[in-house]
Each structure stands twice: as structure tokens, then as C-alpha cells.
N, C-alpha and C. Protein backbone atom coordinates (compact mmCIF):
# COMPACT_ATOMS: atom_id res chain seq x y z
N MET A 1 -12.21 39.84 12.67
CA MET A 1 -12.25 40.60 11.24
C MET A 1 -13.85 40.01 10.55
N ILE A 2 -14.41 40.84 9.68
CA ILE A 2 -15.32 40.51 8.85
C ILE A 2 -14.45 39.98 7.22
N PRO A 3 -15.10 39.05 7.30
CA PRO A 3 -14.21 38.27 5.90
C PRO A 3 -14.46 38.71 4.83
N SER A 4 -13.88 38.75 4.22
CA SER A 4 -14.29 39.92 2.50
C SER A 4 -14.39 38.82 1.42
N LYS A 5 -14.76 39.71 0.33
CA LYS A 5 -15.27 39.01 -0.81
C LYS A 5 -13.86 38.31 -1.35
N GLU A 6 -12.78 38.23 -1.06
CA GLU A 6 -11.55 37.75 -1.47
C GLU A 6 -11.06 36.65 -0.84
N ASP A 7 -11.91 36.08 0.17
CA ASP A 7 -11.69 35.00 1.34
C ASP A 7 -12.68 33.59 1.31
N LEU A 8 -12.12 32.36 1.21
CA LEU A 8 -13.37 31.09 0.75
C LEU A 8 -13.01 30.81 2.48
N LEU A 9 -14.08 30.08 2.72
CA LEU A 9 -13.99 29.29 3.66
C LEU A 9 -14.25 27.63 2.99
N LEU A 10 -13.07 26.67 3.11
CA LEU A 10 -13.02 25.42 2.17
C LEU A 10 -13.41 24.11 3.48
N ILE A 11 -14.38 23.75 3.88
CA ILE A 11 -14.47 22.61 4.49
C ILE A 11 -14.55 21.14 3.97
N VAL A 12 -13.45 20.36 4.42
CA VAL A 12 -12.80 19.63 3.62
C VAL A 12 -13.24 18.21 4.60
N ASP A 13 -14.31 17.61 3.42
CA ASP A 13 -14.35 15.87 3.70
C ASP A 13 -15.27 15.41 4.97
N VAL A 14 -16.23 16.24 5.50
CA VAL A 14 -16.55 16.39 6.67
C VAL A 14 -18.05 15.29 6.11
N GLN A 15 -17.38 13.94 6.19
CA GLN A 15 -18.23 13.22 5.77
C GLN A 15 -18.49 11.55 6.43
N ASN A 16 -19.48 10.93 6.49
CA ASN A 16 -19.94 10.22 7.64
C ASN A 16 -19.12 8.66 7.60
N ASP A 17 -17.85 8.66 6.52
CA ASP A 17 -17.20 7.80 6.89
C ASP A 17 -16.34 8.46 7.66
N PHE A 18 -15.57 9.24 7.47
CA PHE A 18 -15.10 10.15 8.48
C PHE A 18 -15.16 10.48 10.15
N CYS A 19 -16.63 10.24 10.07
CA CYS A 19 -16.85 10.67 11.88
C CYS A 19 -17.61 9.34 12.62
N ALA A 20 -17.98 9.69 13.46
CA ALA A 20 -18.22 8.58 14.74
C ALA A 20 -19.14 7.25 13.65
N GLY A 21 -18.18 6.11 13.94
CA GLY A 21 -19.08 4.89 13.65
C GLY A 21 -18.49 4.76 12.03
N GLY A 22 -17.80 5.64 11.37
CA GLY A 22 -17.49 5.64 10.20
C GLY A 22 -16.59 4.45 9.86
N ALA A 23 -16.16 4.00 8.43
CA ALA A 23 -15.48 3.27 8.30
C ALA A 23 -13.89 3.76 8.35
N LEU A 24 -13.84 4.95 8.46
CA LEU A 24 -12.32 5.49 8.69
C LEU A 24 -12.38 6.64 9.63
N ALA A 25 -13.16 6.47 10.64
CA ALA A 25 -13.45 7.43 11.73
C ALA A 25 -12.28 8.52 12.07
N VAL A 26 -12.39 9.48 12.61
CA VAL A 26 -11.44 10.69 12.67
C VAL A 26 -11.47 10.51 14.27
N PRO A 27 -10.60 10.35 15.18
CA PRO A 27 -11.21 10.89 16.60
C PRO A 27 -11.83 12.17 16.83
N LYS A 28 -12.59 12.44 17.21
CA LYS A 28 -13.57 13.48 17.88
C LYS A 28 -14.05 14.49 16.88
N ALA A 29 -14.43 13.64 15.28
CA ALA A 29 -14.16 14.57 14.27
C ALA A 29 -15.92 15.32 14.78
N ASP A 30 -16.69 14.40 15.10
CA ASP A 30 -17.77 15.24 15.39
C ASP A 30 -18.14 16.49 16.16
N GLU A 31 -17.00 16.41 16.89
CA GLU A 31 -16.86 17.92 17.56
C GLU A 31 -16.90 19.07 16.80
N ILE A 32 -16.47 19.40 15.40
CA ILE A 32 -16.16 19.87 14.50
C ILE A 32 -17.13 20.53 13.84
N VAL A 33 -18.48 20.08 13.72
CA VAL A 33 -19.37 20.20 13.04
C VAL A 33 -20.24 21.44 13.73
N PRO A 34 -20.68 21.33 14.78
CA PRO A 34 -21.04 22.85 15.25
C PRO A 34 -19.98 23.89 15.29
N VAL A 35 -18.67 23.95 15.22
CA VAL A 35 -17.41 25.10 15.16
C VAL A 35 -18.27 25.31 13.17
N ILE A 36 -17.80 24.31 12.71
CA ILE A 36 -18.21 24.66 11.46
C ILE A 36 -19.06 25.51 10.89
N ASN A 37 -20.49 25.04 11.31
CA ASN A 37 -21.44 25.28 11.27
C ASN A 37 -21.38 27.02 11.51
N ARG A 38 -21.02 27.32 12.89
CA ARG A 38 -20.66 28.61 13.42
C ARG A 38 -20.01 29.72 12.38
N LEU A 39 -18.97 29.12 11.95
CA LEU A 39 -18.12 29.55 11.02
C LEU A 39 -18.73 30.15 9.42
N THR A 40 -19.60 29.37 9.37
CA THR A 40 -20.39 29.43 7.88
C THR A 40 -21.52 30.62 7.90
N ALA A 41 -21.71 30.84 9.05
CA ALA A 41 -22.16 32.18 8.64
C ALA A 41 -21.75 33.37 8.85
N ARG A 42 -20.18 33.35 9.18
CA ARG A 42 -19.29 34.25 9.14
C ARG A 42 -18.65 34.75 7.62
N PHE A 43 -18.55 33.78 7.11
CA PHE A 43 -17.96 33.81 5.83
C PHE A 43 -18.94 33.98 4.26
N PRO A 44 -18.53 34.86 3.61
CA PRO A 44 -19.41 35.40 2.45
C PRO A 44 -19.48 34.04 1.17
N HIS A 45 -18.33 33.60 1.37
CA HIS A 45 -18.14 32.53 0.20
C HIS A 45 -17.27 31.38 0.97
N ILE A 46 -18.48 30.07 0.59
CA ILE A 46 -18.19 28.79 1.59
C ILE A 46 -18.05 27.59 0.09
N GLY A 47 -16.95 26.65 0.15
CA GLY A 47 -17.04 25.53 -0.97
C GLY A 47 -16.77 24.35 0.39
N LEU A 48 -16.85 23.05 -0.52
CA LEU A 48 -16.85 21.76 0.32
C LEU A 48 -16.03 21.22 -0.88
N THR A 49 -15.43 20.15 -0.01
CA THR A 49 -14.61 18.95 -1.01
C THR A 49 -15.66 17.66 -0.13
N GLN A 50 -15.22 16.48 -0.89
CA GLN A 50 -16.08 15.32 -0.93
C GLN A 50 -14.96 13.93 -1.67
N ASP A 51 -14.73 13.19 -0.37
CA ASP A 51 -14.06 12.07 -1.03
C ASP A 51 -14.85 11.07 -1.44
N TRP A 52 -14.65 10.69 -3.07
CA TRP A 52 -15.78 10.16 -3.55
C TRP A 52 -15.00 8.99 -4.63
N HIS A 53 -15.12 8.25 -3.78
CA HIS A 53 -13.70 6.51 -4.73
C HIS A 53 -14.76 5.68 -5.33
N SER A 54 -14.24 5.24 -6.32
CA SER A 54 -14.90 3.89 -6.82
C SER A 54 -14.76 2.92 -5.86
N ARG A 55 -15.59 1.84 -5.95
CA ARG A 55 -15.39 0.54 -5.54
C ARG A 55 -13.53 -0.01 -6.08
N GLY A 56 -13.12 -0.70 -4.99
CA GLY A 56 -11.84 -1.12 -5.76
C GLY A 56 -10.83 -0.35 -5.74
N HIS A 57 -11.14 1.05 -5.32
CA HIS A 57 -10.28 2.00 -5.13
C HIS A 57 -8.42 1.42 -4.94
N ILE A 58 -7.63 2.22 -5.45
CA ILE A 58 -6.13 1.79 -5.04
C ILE A 58 -5.83 1.94 -3.70
N SER A 59 -6.36 2.78 -3.24
CA SER A 59 -6.18 3.22 -1.70
C SER A 59 -6.54 2.37 -0.70
N PHE A 60 -7.37 1.28 -1.60
CA PHE A 60 -8.10 0.44 -0.39
C PHE A 60 -7.03 -0.81 -0.21
N ALA A 61 -6.97 -1.08 1.10
CA ALA A 61 -6.24 -2.38 1.17
C ALA A 61 -6.76 -3.22 0.88
N SER A 62 -8.28 -3.48 0.81
CA SER A 62 -8.96 -4.90 0.00
C SER A 62 -8.36 -5.02 -1.01
N SER A 63 -8.17 -3.83 -2.09
CA SER A 63 -7.63 -4.16 -3.32
C SER A 63 -6.03 -4.48 -3.52
N HIS A 64 -5.81 -4.99 -2.90
CA HIS A 64 -4.16 -5.49 -2.69
C HIS A 64 -4.67 -6.69 -1.92
N GLU A 65 -4.12 -7.50 -2.22
CA GLU A 65 -4.10 -9.23 -1.48
C GLU A 65 -2.63 -9.13 -0.80
N GLY A 66 -3.19 -9.34 0.43
CA GLY A 66 -1.85 -9.72 1.45
C GLY A 66 -1.89 -8.17 1.88
N ILE A 67 -1.98 -7.73 1.59
CA ILE A 67 -1.82 -5.95 2.95
C ILE A 67 -2.95 -5.57 3.69
N GLU A 68 -1.87 -5.09 4.65
CA GLU A 68 -2.92 -5.15 5.99
C GLU A 68 -3.22 -3.49 5.68
N LEU A 69 -4.30 -3.12 6.78
CA LEU A 69 -4.45 -1.89 6.64
C LEU A 69 -3.20 -0.87 7.36
N LEU A 70 -3.48 0.29 6.61
CA LEU A 70 -2.14 1.45 6.96
C LEU A 70 -0.93 0.78 6.52
N GLN A 71 -0.74 -0.44 5.65
CA GLN A 71 0.50 -0.43 5.24
C GLN A 71 0.93 0.53 4.15
N VAL A 72 2.01 0.89 3.97
CA VAL A 72 2.72 1.71 2.96
C VAL A 72 3.08 0.99 2.04
N ILE A 73 3.01 1.32 0.55
CA ILE A 73 3.12 0.53 -0.49
C ILE A 73 3.81 1.30 -1.28
N SER A 74 4.27 1.58 -2.46
CA SER A 74 5.04 2.33 -3.18
C SER A 74 3.97 1.62 -4.70
N LEU A 75 3.49 2.75 -5.22
CA LEU A 75 2.60 2.92 -6.67
C LEU A 75 3.18 4.25 -7.46
N PRO A 76 2.81 3.97 -8.53
CA PRO A 76 3.50 4.69 -9.86
C PRO A 76 3.57 6.20 -9.47
N TYR A 77 2.71 6.70 -8.76
CA TYR A 77 2.95 7.95 -8.26
C TYR A 77 3.49 8.39 -7.03
N GLY A 78 3.94 7.50 -6.30
CA GLY A 78 4.58 7.40 -5.03
C GLY A 78 3.94 6.43 -3.92
N GLU A 79 4.64 6.99 -2.43
CA GLU A 79 4.10 5.71 -1.37
C GLU A 79 2.57 6.01 -1.34
N GLN A 80 1.65 5.05 -0.88
CA GLN A 80 0.00 5.43 -0.43
C GLN A 80 0.14 4.66 0.69
N ILE A 81 -0.31 4.98 1.97
CA ILE A 81 -1.03 4.33 2.70
C ILE A 81 -2.18 3.56 2.41
N LEU A 82 -2.61 2.40 2.79
CA LEU A 82 -3.75 1.68 2.38
C LEU A 82 -4.92 1.79 3.61
N TRP A 83 -6.01 2.10 3.15
CA TRP A 83 -7.10 2.44 3.79
C TRP A 83 -8.22 1.44 3.70
N PRO A 84 -9.05 1.54 4.75
CA PRO A 84 -10.30 0.66 4.67
C PRO A 84 -11.35 1.02 3.38
N ASP A 85 -11.81 0.24 2.92
CA ASP A 85 -12.97 0.72 1.86
C ASP A 85 -13.43 2.03 2.85
N HIS A 86 -13.71 3.15 1.95
CA HIS A 86 -14.33 4.53 2.59
C HIS A 86 -14.82 5.64 1.43
N CYS A 87 -16.21 5.94 2.06
CA CYS A 87 -16.36 7.27 0.64
C CYS A 87 -16.56 6.61 0.04
N VAL A 88 -17.18 5.74 -0.75
CA VAL A 88 -17.47 5.05 -1.80
C VAL A 88 -18.67 5.53 -2.52
N ALA A 89 -18.26 6.19 -3.75
CA ALA A 89 -19.59 6.95 -4.27
C ALA A 89 -21.03 6.42 -4.31
N GLY A 90 -21.69 7.22 -3.86
CA GLY A 90 -23.38 6.95 -3.73
C GLY A 90 -23.43 6.06 -2.56
N THR A 91 -22.35 5.71 -1.72
CA THR A 91 -23.03 5.22 -0.26
C THR A 91 -23.07 6.16 0.72
N ARG A 92 -23.37 5.79 1.76
CA ARG A 92 -24.21 6.62 3.30
C ARG A 92 -22.83 7.16 3.58
N GLY A 93 -21.85 6.49 3.82
CA GLY A 93 -20.76 6.75 4.31
C GLY A 93 -20.05 8.22 3.27
N ALA A 94 -20.29 7.85 1.88
CA ALA A 94 -19.45 9.55 1.48
C ALA A 94 -20.68 10.40 1.34
N GLU A 95 -21.82 10.57 2.21
CA GLU A 95 -22.41 11.88 2.44
C GLU A 95 -22.15 12.42 3.25
N PHE A 96 -22.42 13.86 3.37
CA PHE A 96 -21.88 14.58 4.24
C PHE A 96 -22.41 14.46 5.51
N HIS A 97 -21.89 14.79 6.74
CA HIS A 97 -22.28 14.39 8.35
C HIS A 97 -24.07 15.27 8.03
N PRO A 98 -24.71 14.49 8.67
CA PRO A 98 -26.08 15.04 8.57
C PRO A 98 -26.19 16.21 9.29
N ASP A 99 -25.44 16.52 10.32
CA ASP A 99 -25.60 17.86 10.94
C ASP A 99 -24.81 18.65 10.49
N LEU A 100 -24.04 18.77 9.50
CA LEU A 100 -23.41 19.67 8.53
C LEU A 100 -24.07 21.06 7.67
N ASP A 101 -24.15 21.94 8.00
CA ASP A 101 -24.90 22.76 7.28
C ASP A 101 -24.01 23.27 5.68
N THR A 102 -24.61 23.08 5.01
CA THR A 102 -24.35 22.62 3.67
C THR A 102 -24.99 23.69 2.78
N THR A 103 -26.04 24.59 3.57
CA THR A 103 -26.87 25.19 2.41
C THR A 103 -26.48 26.77 2.07
N ARG A 104 -25.48 26.89 2.72
CA ARG A 104 -24.37 27.93 2.21
C ARG A 104 -23.40 28.20 0.64
N ALA A 105 -22.76 26.66 0.75
CA ALA A 105 -21.99 26.25 -0.11
C ALA A 105 -22.18 26.36 -1.56
N GLU A 106 -21.55 27.11 -1.97
CA GLU A 106 -21.53 27.31 -3.52
C GLU A 106 -20.96 26.55 -4.27
N PHE A 107 -20.34 25.37 -3.97
CA PHE A 107 -19.75 24.43 -4.55
C PHE A 107 -19.07 23.35 -4.09
N VAL A 108 -18.76 21.93 -4.61
CA VAL A 108 -18.38 20.61 -3.40
C VAL A 108 -17.58 20.06 -4.93
N VAL A 109 -16.02 20.07 -4.52
CA VAL A 109 -15.29 19.52 -4.87
C VAL A 109 -15.07 18.15 -4.93
N ARG A 110 -15.86 17.18 -5.64
CA ARG A 110 -15.42 15.73 -5.83
C ARG A 110 -13.80 15.19 -6.05
N LYS A 111 -13.08 14.64 -5.18
CA LYS A 111 -11.56 13.81 -5.24
C LYS A 111 -11.57 12.72 -4.80
N GLY A 112 -10.63 12.11 -5.69
CA GLY A 112 -10.26 10.89 -5.25
C GLY A 112 -11.27 9.62 -6.22
N ILE A 113 -11.73 10.56 -7.34
CA ILE A 113 -12.61 10.31 -8.10
C ILE A 113 -11.85 9.13 -9.36
N HIS A 114 -10.60 9.46 -9.63
CA HIS A 114 -9.80 8.53 -10.28
C HIS A 114 -9.29 7.32 -9.65
N LEU A 115 -9.40 5.82 -9.81
CA LEU A 115 -9.31 4.72 -9.82
C LEU A 115 -8.28 4.22 -9.20
N GLU A 116 -7.20 4.64 -10.16
CA GLU A 116 -5.67 4.37 -10.11
C GLU A 116 -4.69 5.86 -9.28
N VAL A 117 -5.55 6.37 -8.52
CA VAL A 117 -4.70 7.70 -8.10
C VAL A 117 -5.44 8.11 -6.96
N ASP A 118 -4.96 8.53 -5.72
CA ASP A 118 -5.92 8.59 -4.77
C ASP A 118 -5.40 10.21 -4.94
N SER A 119 -6.52 10.87 -3.94
CA SER A 119 -6.40 12.37 -3.81
C SER A 119 -6.37 12.70 -2.15
N TYR A 120 -5.82 13.07 -1.85
CA TYR A 120 -5.76 13.87 -0.45
C TYR A 120 -6.00 15.38 -0.99
N SER A 121 -5.06 16.08 -1.58
CA SER A 121 -5.52 17.16 -1.77
C SER A 121 -6.64 17.94 -2.45
N ALA A 122 -7.33 19.21 -1.92
CA ALA A 122 -8.47 19.31 -2.80
C ALA A 122 -8.05 20.28 -4.19
N ILE A 123 -6.44 20.48 -3.87
CA ILE A 123 -6.10 20.84 -5.56
C ILE A 123 -5.62 19.82 -6.48
N TYR A 124 -4.82 19.25 -5.68
CA TYR A 124 -4.22 17.97 -6.89
C TYR A 124 -4.14 16.54 -6.51
N GLU A 125 -4.19 15.92 -7.42
CA GLU A 125 -4.25 14.51 -7.08
C GLU A 125 -2.84 13.93 -6.34
N ASN A 126 -2.82 12.84 -5.87
CA ASN A 126 -1.30 12.48 -4.86
C ASN A 126 -0.17 12.61 -6.05
N ASP A 127 -0.66 12.39 -7.53
CA ASP A 127 0.78 12.46 -8.25
C ASP A 127 0.98 13.53 -8.52
N HIS A 128 0.42 14.90 -7.90
CA HIS A 128 1.02 16.42 -7.99
C HIS A 128 0.94 16.87 -9.16
N LYS A 129 0.10 16.33 -10.03
CA LYS A 129 0.69 16.99 -11.57
C LYS A 129 -1.48 16.91 -11.80
N THR A 130 -1.92 16.28 -11.64
CA THR A 130 -3.36 16.14 -11.93
C THR A 130 -4.21 17.32 -11.10
N PRO A 131 -4.94 18.05 -11.86
CA PRO A 131 -5.47 18.97 -10.78
C PRO A 131 -7.26 18.76 -10.76
N THR A 132 -7.40 19.27 -9.86
CA THR A 132 -9.07 18.93 -9.35
C THR A 132 -9.97 20.16 -10.23
N GLY A 133 -9.55 21.30 -10.29
CA GLY A 133 -9.82 22.30 -11.13
C GLY A 133 -10.55 23.74 -10.12
N LEU A 134 -9.88 23.85 -8.68
CA LEU A 134 -10.38 23.88 -7.73
C LEU A 134 -9.53 25.81 -7.86
N SER A 135 -7.62 25.22 -7.91
CA SER A 135 -7.06 26.46 -8.59
C SER A 135 -8.00 27.47 -9.05
N GLY A 136 -7.48 27.12 -10.47
CA GLY A 136 -8.37 27.49 -11.70
C GLY A 136 -9.71 28.40 -11.29
N TYR A 137 -10.91 27.90 -10.48
CA TYR A 137 -11.74 28.28 -9.79
C TYR A 137 -11.65 29.37 -9.24
N MET A 138 -10.50 29.14 -8.20
CA MET A 138 -10.58 30.10 -6.98
C MET A 138 -9.89 31.43 -7.69
N HIS A 139 -8.86 31.29 -8.56
CA HIS A 139 -8.04 32.18 -8.98
C HIS A 139 -9.51 33.37 -9.98
N ASN A 140 -9.89 32.68 -10.82
CA ASN A 140 -11.20 33.04 -11.58
C ASN A 140 -12.23 33.90 -11.13
N ARG A 141 -12.26 33.43 -9.40
CA ARG A 141 -13.05 34.04 -8.32
C ARG A 141 -12.69 35.58 -7.67
N GLY A 142 -11.51 35.28 -8.18
CA GLY A 142 -10.64 36.37 -7.32
C GLY A 142 -10.07 36.32 -5.56
N PHE A 143 -10.34 35.02 -5.32
CA PHE A 143 -10.31 34.91 -4.32
C PHE A 143 -8.52 34.91 -3.58
N LYS A 144 -8.13 35.04 -2.66
CA LYS A 144 -6.78 35.45 -2.04
C LYS A 144 -6.36 34.59 -0.86
N ARG A 145 -7.59 34.33 -0.20
CA ARG A 145 -7.19 33.80 1.16
C ARG A 145 -8.25 32.83 1.29
N LEU A 146 -7.31 31.39 1.73
CA LEU A 146 -7.93 30.51 2.08
C LEU A 146 -8.35 30.03 3.42
N PHE A 147 -9.19 29.73 4.33
CA PHE A 147 -9.63 29.14 5.20
C PHE A 147 -10.15 27.50 5.23
N LEU A 148 -8.75 26.88 5.86
CA LEU A 148 -9.49 25.44 6.02
C LEU A 148 -10.19 24.82 7.25
N ALA A 149 -10.98 23.97 6.74
CA ALA A 149 -11.73 23.31 8.09
C ALA A 149 -12.10 22.17 7.44
N GLY A 150 -12.05 21.06 8.80
CA GLY A 150 -12.66 19.77 8.16
C GLY A 150 -11.52 18.63 8.57
N LEU A 151 -11.34 17.61 7.73
CA LEU A 151 -10.96 16.20 8.32
C LEU A 151 -9.95 15.94 6.95
N ALA A 152 -8.90 15.45 7.43
CA ALA A 152 -8.15 14.99 8.36
C ALA A 152 -6.91 16.03 8.52
N THR A 153 -6.50 16.62 9.62
CA THR A 153 -5.95 17.58 9.63
C THR A 153 -4.34 17.48 8.65
N ASP A 154 -4.01 15.84 9.26
CA ASP A 154 -2.80 15.57 8.68
C ASP A 154 -2.82 14.56 7.51
N PHE A 155 -3.55 14.67 6.81
CA PHE A 155 -3.81 14.13 5.28
C PHE A 155 -4.49 15.54 4.60
N CYS A 156 -5.90 15.00 4.26
CA CYS A 156 -6.43 16.27 3.43
C CYS A 156 -6.17 17.76 3.89
N VAL A 157 -6.54 18.10 5.06
CA VAL A 157 -5.92 19.73 5.35
C VAL A 157 -4.69 19.91 4.96
N LEU A 158 -3.94 19.23 5.32
CA LEU A 158 -2.43 19.51 5.40
C LEU A 158 -2.12 19.46 3.52
N TYR A 159 -2.49 18.31 3.04
CA TYR A 159 -2.09 18.59 1.54
C TYR A 159 -2.64 19.62 0.77
N SER A 160 -4.11 19.92 1.59
CA SER A 160 -4.81 20.57 0.72
C SER A 160 -3.87 22.43 0.72
N ALA A 161 -3.72 22.48 2.23
CA ALA A 161 -3.07 23.99 2.37
C ALA A 161 -1.81 24.08 1.83
N LEU A 162 -1.28 22.91 1.45
CA LEU A 162 0.54 22.94 1.10
C LEU A 162 0.02 23.39 -0.50
N ASP A 163 -0.72 22.45 -1.17
CA ASP A 163 -1.16 22.87 -2.62
C ASP A 163 -1.32 24.32 -2.63
N ALA A 164 -2.06 24.87 -1.63
CA ALA A 164 -2.67 25.91 -1.78
C ALA A 164 -1.60 27.22 -1.89
N VAL A 165 -0.56 26.87 -0.86
CA VAL A 165 0.06 28.08 -1.19
C VAL A 165 1.51 27.64 -1.95
N GLY A 166 1.56 26.74 -2.26
CA GLY A 166 2.10 26.35 -3.99
C GLY A 166 1.04 27.12 -5.30
N GLU A 167 0.31 27.58 -5.02
CA GLU A 167 -0.64 28.13 -5.83
C GLU A 167 -0.58 29.66 -5.79
N GLY A 168 0.12 29.98 -4.66
CA GLY A 168 -0.01 31.67 -4.60
C GLY A 168 -1.23 32.01 -3.45
N PHE A 169 -2.00 31.27 -2.78
CA PHE A 169 -2.77 31.72 -1.78
C PHE A 169 -2.41 31.87 -0.75
N GLN A 170 -2.95 32.38 0.23
CA GLN A 170 -2.56 32.70 1.83
C GLN A 170 -3.59 31.70 2.31
N VAL A 171 -2.71 31.31 3.41
CA VAL A 171 -3.81 30.06 3.83
C VAL A 171 -3.46 29.94 5.37
N CYS A 172 -5.08 29.92 5.90
CA CYS A 172 -4.96 29.63 7.54
C CYS A 172 -5.74 28.40 7.61
N VAL A 173 -5.45 27.76 8.43
CA VAL A 173 -6.22 26.35 9.26
C VAL A 173 -6.92 26.73 10.12
N ILE A 174 -8.12 26.52 10.59
CA ILE A 174 -8.40 27.20 11.88
C ILE A 174 -8.54 25.76 12.83
N GLU A 175 -7.85 25.73 13.79
CA GLU A 175 -7.40 24.85 14.55
C GLU A 175 -8.49 23.83 15.31
N ASP A 176 -9.70 24.46 15.84
CA ASP A 176 -10.59 23.86 16.57
C ASP A 176 -11.68 23.56 15.77
N ALA A 177 -11.58 23.73 14.30
CA ALA A 177 -12.60 23.61 13.24
C ALA A 177 -11.90 22.32 12.30
N VAL A 178 -10.62 21.28 12.66
CA VAL A 178 -10.20 20.24 12.43
C VAL A 178 -10.02 19.07 13.11
N ARG A 179 -9.64 18.00 12.80
CA ARG A 179 -9.39 17.01 13.61
C ARG A 179 -8.33 15.99 13.11
N GLY A 180 -7.40 15.44 13.64
CA GLY A 180 -6.39 14.36 12.63
C GLY A 180 -6.74 13.33 13.13
N ILE A 181 -5.93 12.24 12.17
CA ILE A 181 -6.36 10.71 12.73
C ILE A 181 -4.65 10.30 13.07
N ASN A 182 -3.78 11.02 13.20
CA ASN A 182 -2.40 11.01 13.74
C ASN A 182 -1.76 9.42 13.29
N VAL A 183 -1.44 9.09 12.42
CA VAL A 183 -0.88 8.06 11.89
C VAL A 183 0.64 8.21 12.24
N ALA A 184 1.23 7.67 13.21
CA ALA A 184 2.98 7.40 13.48
C ALA A 184 3.37 8.66 13.55
N ASP A 185 2.58 9.62 14.29
CA ASP A 185 2.92 11.21 15.11
C ASP A 185 2.72 11.95 14.13
N SER A 186 1.85 12.01 12.66
CA SER A 186 1.49 12.61 11.80
C SER A 186 0.87 13.86 12.04
N LEU A 187 -0.05 13.65 12.90
CA LEU A 187 -0.41 15.28 13.24
C LEU A 187 0.71 16.38 13.75
N ALA A 188 1.38 16.11 14.77
CA ALA A 188 2.46 16.49 14.99
C ALA A 188 3.44 17.63 13.74
N LYS A 189 3.50 16.35 13.15
CA LYS A 189 4.35 16.71 11.71
C LYS A 189 3.53 17.41 10.66
N ALA A 190 2.27 17.10 10.94
CA ALA A 190 1.61 18.29 9.81
C ALA A 190 1.74 19.58 10.73
N TRP A 191 1.27 19.57 11.40
CA TRP A 191 1.47 21.10 12.10
C TRP A 191 2.78 21.79 11.56
N GLU A 192 3.94 21.07 12.00
CA GLU A 192 5.20 21.49 11.85
C GLU A 192 5.51 22.15 10.49
N THR A 193 5.08 21.11 9.37
CA THR A 193 5.21 21.41 7.93
C THR A 193 4.38 22.24 7.48
N MET A 194 2.91 22.67 8.00
CA MET A 194 2.30 23.38 7.47
C MET A 194 2.90 24.90 8.22
N ALA A 195 3.34 25.04 9.23
CA ALA A 195 4.18 26.10 9.55
C ALA A 195 5.18 26.54 9.11
N ARG A 196 6.29 25.55 8.45
CA ARG A 196 7.37 25.76 7.95
C ARG A 196 7.04 26.52 6.29
N ALA A 197 5.82 26.19 6.09
CA ALA A 197 5.01 26.53 4.60
C ALA A 197 4.62 27.95 4.39
N GLY A 198 4.23 28.31 5.74
CA GLY A 198 3.79 29.57 6.10
C GLY A 198 2.33 29.73 6.27
N VAL A 199 1.93 28.70 6.56
CA VAL A 199 0.33 28.35 6.78
C VAL A 199 0.12 29.21 7.93
N ARG A 200 -0.79 29.99 8.03
CA ARG A 200 -1.00 30.73 9.58
C ARG A 200 -2.34 29.59 10.49
N ARG A 201 -2.14 29.13 11.69
CA ARG A 201 -2.80 28.24 12.76
C ARG A 201 -3.33 29.33 13.51
N LEU A 202 -5.04 28.99 13.63
CA LEU A 202 -5.43 30.10 14.42
C LEU A 202 -6.81 29.54 14.67
N SER A 203 -7.73 29.96 15.58
CA SER A 203 -8.79 29.47 16.32
C SER A 203 -10.13 30.25 15.68
N GLU A 204 -10.93 29.58 15.72
CA GLU A 204 -12.16 30.29 15.54
C GLU A 204 -12.52 31.72 15.98
N PHE A 205 -11.99 31.90 17.33
CA PHE A 205 -11.97 32.94 18.12
C PHE A 205 -10.83 34.42 17.77
N ASP A 206 -10.09 33.65 17.08
CA ASP A 206 -9.30 34.64 16.43
C ASP A 206 -9.26 35.37 15.39
N LEU A 207 -10.31 34.83 14.90
CA LEU A 207 -10.96 35.44 13.53
C LEU A 207 -11.25 36.94 14.05
N THR A 208 -11.78 37.17 15.22
CA THR A 208 -11.76 38.50 15.20
C THR A 208 -10.92 39.58 15.44
N SER A 209 -9.61 39.24 15.60
CA SER A 209 -8.61 40.02 15.85
C SER A 209 -7.71 39.69 14.46
N ILE A 210 -7.60 38.99 13.38
CA ILE A 210 -7.16 39.64 12.33
C ILE A 210 -7.26 40.27 11.32
N SER A 211 -6.58 41.07 10.82
CA SER A 211 -6.61 41.98 10.22
C SER A 211 -6.86 41.69 8.65
N ALA A 212 -7.81 42.07 7.80
CA ALA A 212 -8.31 41.72 7.00
C ALA A 212 -7.36 41.93 5.68
């Protein structure tokens, strides 16, 4: 298919800290960069998301005394996995991968900006009620279908997909343009959860055979 004016490609968190050598590197994350760059040439509308945390963010294990990395704790907004410090605002780790082509991106949604709540989804913070503004923007622009690429499949891509479905959008995840962290089998669970929600899983090459 030739993506229409109602389609948006959203590139999720392809940032240095999630790529090779980063503070929270996703396995094989760098492999998706050339795939995404090819996809950007096909879509008329492209957006980016960027993790953008304050120092001492509540999702960092270092902000909680005696807590280990990847431990799950209860916070006022629900359960939270504690991560290494990553994507701190203004640092190199928060910058986009140097080989990612961002020249045609129309906007950047920065998420995780609030010190006391994390944000996996591009649409809502992890309290599931504080919006980033992306849904309203998409509705105002007349977008109907969201294509997701980026990092990580089992966290930010997953939550973005589910929230987008909840906001009334058709959602597709391009599987060769995403990679997962896979904490406690979270990757397989993510694909199952998205399938149940009606999210379509496709490849870069499947795009040529999907009806508009």
C-alpha cells in the first residue's frame, strides 16, 4: 500500500540509552534503525517520541534506597519496574540514535517528564489518566491509523499501542522495526496482549499488500 494522509508512523524512543552501549540497552536495538529509515521514506506523516526524565526520577532504582535494578515496587499509580538511570533530559543518552533519520518528523512527544510518575505510553502517563496530548493532536490532524516502530516492544510500544486502540485508532506494529527487553517473558506476553486488543502485527514487506 501507499500510506495515506490518514496514516501516521510513530517512531518510539530510538535513543542512545536504549541502543548498544546505552544505560538500558535493548538487545539488537541498532538493527531497527535502517528499517525505520526505509519506512520514513514511505510515510507522509512521521512523529517521534523521546523519553525525557528528570534526574532522580521515580522510575530509577537509584532513587530508592536498598532497591535493586528491575525490582517491582508499588507506587501511588500502580506497580513500577525500577530501571537504571536512563534518558536523563539534556544528556547524550536521551538523544536520538545518530543514524536515525529524523529530518521528516513533524513532531516530538517527550514523555516521562514528570518526576513522580513514569510514562511508557506515548498517549498517557503510567497513571493512565494524565495525557501527553498526542491523542488530541492525532484526532485534530485527522489521523485514523497508527503504525508503530521503535523501542521497546514489551513496554513503550506495547502501552502506546493499547492506549491508541483505546482512543479509537487502528494500530499496526511493524515487527522488524521493533525490539524488546524481555523481562520475565514480557515480550511474548506483549505480542499476545496486543493481538487480543486487535493490534495488527506486520512486517516492513507486508506493507505492500495491505489495503488502504
